[in-house]
């Protein structure tokens, strides 16, 4: 059985990329250096499928991401 394609939330992606800010992510999306989010619920609640980030050439180390159980809680403020 394959692992489901996880959603990496904005806050977690910022941390995994070395602590960049949300503004940096916005600029990278504007400059097509980062794909648009797969989940765009609001300006603060955005997420990318892990497969989308990998296709864009980002290699995120699993240890830099929270466990799926830690990310499955309420997403408010992310």
N, C-alpha and C. Protein backbone atom coordinates (compact mmCIF):
# COMPACT_ATOMS: atom_id res chain seq x y z
N UNK A 1 0.85 -1.18 0.00
CA UNK A 1 0.00 0.00 0.00
C UNK A 1 0.90 1.24 0.00
N UNK A 2 0.57 2.20 -0.82
CA UNK A 2 1.38 3.41 -0.90
C UNK A 2 0.92 4.44 0.12
N UNK A 3 1.86 5.29 0.49
CA UNK A 3 1.55 6.36 1.44
C UNK A 3 0.73 7.44 0.74
N UNK A 4 -0.31 7.97 1.39
CA UNK A 4 -1.10 9.03 0.76
C UNK A 4 -0.25 10.29 0.56
N UNK A 5 -0.61 11.06 -0.45
CA UNK A 5 0.10 12.30 -0.75
C UNK A 5 -0.23 13.34 0.32
N UNK A 6 0.72 13.63 1.19
CA UNK A 6 0.49 14.55 2.31
C UNK A 6 0.38 15.99 1.83
N UNK A 7 -0.32 16.77 2.65
CA UNK A 7 -0.38 18.21 2.44
C UNK A 7 0.65 18.84 3.37
N UNK A 8 1.49 19.70 2.83
CA UNK A 8 2.48 20.44 3.61
C UNK A 8 1.95 21.86 3.74
N UNK A 9 1.58 22.24 4.95
CA UNK A 9 0.97 23.54 5.20
C UNK A 9 2.03 24.64 5.16
N UNK A 10 1.60 25.85 4.88
CA UNK A 10 2.48 27.01 4.71
C UNK A 10 3.49 27.14 5.85
N UNK A 11 3.02 27.09 7.07
CA UNK A 11 3.89 27.24 8.23
C UNK A 11 4.97 26.16 8.25
N UNK A 12 4.57 24.92 7.95
CA UNK A 12 5.51 23.81 7.95
C UNK A 12 6.50 23.93 6.79
N UNK A 13 6.04 24.40 5.64
CA UNK A 13 6.93 24.59 4.50
C UNK A 13 7.96 25.67 4.79
N UNK A 14 7.52 26.76 5.41
CA UNK A 14 8.46 27.82 5.79
C UNK A 14 9.57 27.26 6.68
N UNK A 15 9.19 26.47 7.67
CA UNK A 15 10.16 25.88 8.59
C UNK A 15 11.08 24.91 7.87
N UNK A 16 10.52 24.07 7.00
CA UNK A 16 11.32 23.07 6.28
C UNK A 16 12.31 23.71 5.31
N UNK A 17 12.01 24.91 4.87
CA UNK A 17 12.91 25.62 3.95
C UNK A 17 13.89 26.52 4.69
N UNK A 18 14.08 26.25 5.95
CA UNK A 18 15.09 26.98 6.71
C UNK A 18 14.59 28.20 7.44
N UNK A 19 13.27 28.28 7.64
CA UNK A 19 12.72 29.40 8.38
C UNK A 19 12.43 30.63 7.54
N UNK A 20 12.18 30.42 6.25
CA UNK A 20 11.81 31.57 5.40
C UNK A 20 10.45 32.09 5.85
N UNK A 21 10.12 33.30 5.47
CA UNK A 21 8.85 33.90 5.87
C UNK A 21 7.77 33.60 4.84
N UNK A 22 6.53 33.84 5.24
CA UNK A 22 5.40 33.70 4.31
C UNK A 22 5.54 34.67 3.15
N UNK A 23 6.10 35.83 3.41
CA UNK A 23 6.32 36.82 2.35
C UNK A 23 7.30 36.27 1.30
N UNK A 24 8.32 35.56 1.77
CA UNK A 24 9.26 34.94 0.83
C UNK A 24 8.55 33.91 -0.04
N UNK A 25 7.69 33.08 0.56
CA UNK A 25 6.92 32.11 -0.23
C UNK A 25 6.06 32.83 -1.26
N UNK A 26 5.42 33.92 -0.86
CA UNK A 26 4.58 34.69 -1.78
C UNK A 26 5.41 35.20 -2.96
N UNK A 27 6.58 35.74 -2.68
CA UNK A 27 7.45 36.24 -3.76
C UNK A 27 7.89 35.11 -4.68
N UNK A 28 8.25 33.97 -4.10
CA UNK A 28 8.67 32.84 -4.91
C UNK A 28 7.54 32.36 -5.81
N UNK A 29 6.30 32.35 -5.30
CA UNK A 29 5.16 31.97 -6.15
C UNK A 29 4.97 32.99 -7.27
N UNK A 30 5.08 34.27 -6.93
CA UNK A 30 4.92 35.32 -7.93
C UNK A 30 5.97 35.20 -9.03
N UNK A 31 7.20 34.82 -8.64
CA UNK A 31 8.31 34.69 -9.58
C UNK A 31 8.40 33.29 -10.20
N UNK A 32 7.38 32.45 -9.97
CA UNK A 32 7.32 31.07 -10.48
C UNK A 32 8.48 30.21 -10.01
N UNK A 33 9.01 30.49 -8.84
CA UNK A 33 10.05 29.65 -8.23
C UNK A 33 9.43 28.59 -7.33
N UNK A 34 8.17 28.77 -7.00
CA UNK A 34 7.43 27.84 -6.16
C UNK A 34 6.05 27.69 -6.78
N UNK A 35 5.55 26.45 -6.90
CA UNK A 35 4.22 26.28 -7.50
C UNK A 35 3.13 26.89 -6.62
N UNK A 36 2.02 27.18 -7.24
CA UNK A 36 0.86 27.66 -6.50
C UNK A 36 0.39 26.55 -5.57
N UNK A 37 -0.23 26.90 -4.43
CA UNK A 37 -0.69 25.86 -3.50
C UNK A 37 -1.79 24.99 -4.10
N UNK A 38 -1.80 23.73 -3.69
CA UNK A 38 -2.86 22.81 -4.11
C UNK A 38 -4.11 23.04 -3.27
N UNK A 39 -3.92 23.50 -2.04
CA UNK A 39 -5.03 23.80 -1.12
C UNK A 39 -4.92 25.27 -0.76
N UNK A 40 -5.94 26.03 -1.11
CA UNK A 40 -5.92 27.48 -0.87
C UNK A 40 -7.24 27.87 -0.22
N UNK A 41 -7.32 27.66 1.10
CA UNK A 41 -8.56 27.93 1.81
C UNK A 41 -8.71 29.41 2.18
N UNK A 42 -7.58 30.07 2.43
CA UNK A 42 -7.57 31.50 2.75
C UNK A 42 -6.14 31.98 2.58
N UNK A 43 -5.91 33.26 2.81
CA UNK A 43 -4.57 33.82 2.67
C UNK A 43 -3.59 33.17 3.65
N UNK A 44 -4.10 32.69 4.78
CA UNK A 44 -3.22 32.10 5.79
C UNK A 44 -3.25 30.58 5.80
N UNK A 45 -4.21 29.98 5.15
CA UNK A 45 -4.33 28.52 5.15
C UNK A 45 -4.12 28.00 3.74
N UNK A 46 -2.86 27.73 3.45
CA UNK A 46 -2.47 27.23 2.14
C UNK A 46 -1.60 26.01 2.33
N UNK A 47 -1.72 25.09 1.41
CA UNK A 47 -0.91 23.88 1.50
C UNK A 47 -0.57 23.33 0.13
N UNK A 48 0.51 22.59 0.10
CA UNK A 48 1.00 21.98 -1.13
C UNK A 48 1.06 20.48 -0.93
N UNK A 49 0.71 19.73 -1.97
CA UNK A 49 0.91 18.29 -1.92
C UNK A 49 2.42 18.06 -1.95
N UNK A 50 2.87 17.09 -1.20
CA UNK A 50 4.29 16.77 -1.19
C UNK A 50 4.76 16.42 -2.60
N UNK A 51 3.93 15.73 -3.37
CA UNK A 51 4.30 15.37 -4.74
C UNK A 51 4.46 16.61 -5.62
N UNK A 52 3.66 17.65 -5.40
CA UNK A 52 3.78 18.90 -6.16
C UNK A 52 5.12 19.57 -5.89
N UNK A 53 5.51 19.60 -4.62
CA UNK A 53 6.78 20.22 -4.25
C UNK A 53 7.96 19.43 -4.82
N UNK A 54 7.84 18.11 -4.81
CA UNK A 54 8.92 17.27 -5.37
C UNK A 54 9.02 17.46 -6.89
N UNK A 55 7.88 17.56 -7.57
CA UNK A 55 7.90 17.80 -9.02
C UNK A 55 8.54 19.15 -9.35
N UNK A 56 8.41 20.10 -8.44
CA UNK A 56 8.99 21.43 -8.64
C UNK A 56 10.49 21.44 -8.33
N UNK A 57 11.02 20.31 -7.87
CA UNK A 57 12.44 20.21 -7.61
C UNK A 57 12.84 20.44 -6.17
N UNK A 58 11.87 20.58 -5.28
CA UNK A 58 12.19 20.76 -3.87
C UNK A 58 12.34 19.39 -3.23
N UNK A 59 13.47 19.15 -2.62
CA UNK A 59 13.66 17.88 -1.91
C UNK A 59 13.62 18.18 -0.42
N UNK A 60 12.48 17.93 0.15
CA UNK A 60 12.27 18.17 1.58
C UNK A 60 12.62 16.91 2.33
N UNK A 61 13.46 17.04 3.33
CA UNK A 61 13.86 15.91 4.14
C UNK A 61 12.71 15.58 5.09
N UNK A 62 12.39 14.32 5.19
CA UNK A 62 11.25 13.90 6.03
C UNK A 62 11.41 14.37 7.47
N UNK A 63 12.64 14.44 7.97
CA UNK A 63 12.84 14.86 9.36
C UNK A 63 12.57 16.34 9.55
N UNK A 64 12.52 17.11 8.46
CA UNK A 64 12.25 18.54 8.58
C UNK A 64 10.76 18.84 8.58
N UNK A 65 9.94 17.82 8.35
CA UNK A 65 8.49 18.00 8.29
C UNK A 65 7.84 17.37 9.51
N UNK A 66 6.76 17.96 9.99
CA UNK A 66 6.05 17.34 11.12
C UNK A 66 5.42 16.03 10.69
N UNK A 67 5.20 15.16 11.64
CA UNK A 67 4.57 13.89 11.32
C UNK A 67 3.14 14.15 10.85
N UNK A 68 2.59 13.27 10.02
CA UNK A 68 1.21 13.47 9.56
C UNK A 68 0.22 13.61 10.71
N UNK A 69 0.44 12.91 11.81
CA UNK A 69 -0.47 13.01 12.96
C UNK A 69 -0.43 14.41 13.56
N UNK A 70 0.74 15.02 13.61
CA UNK A 70 0.87 16.37 14.17
C UNK A 70 0.22 17.40 13.26
N UNK A 71 0.17 17.13 11.95
CA UNK A 71 -0.40 18.08 11.01
C UNK A 71 -1.89 17.91 10.82
N UNK A 72 -2.46 16.83 11.34
CA UNK A 72 -3.86 16.54 11.04
C UNK A 72 -4.83 17.27 11.94
N UNK A 73 -4.34 18.01 12.92
CA UNK A 73 -5.21 18.76 13.82
C UNK A 73 -5.83 19.96 13.13
N UNK A 74 -6.38 20.85 13.89
CA UNK A 74 -7.00 22.06 13.33
C UNK A 74 -5.97 22.84 12.55
N UNK A 75 -6.35 23.34 11.40
CA UNK A 75 -5.45 24.05 10.52
C UNK A 75 -5.58 25.57 10.63
N UNK A 76 -6.37 26.05 11.52
CA UNK A 76 -6.58 27.50 11.65
C UNK A 76 -5.26 28.18 11.96
N UNK A 77 -5.02 29.26 11.27
CA UNK A 77 -3.83 30.06 11.50
C UNK A 77 -2.60 29.54 10.79
N UNK A 78 -2.74 28.58 9.94
CA UNK A 78 -1.59 28.07 9.18
C UNK A 78 -1.50 28.73 7.85
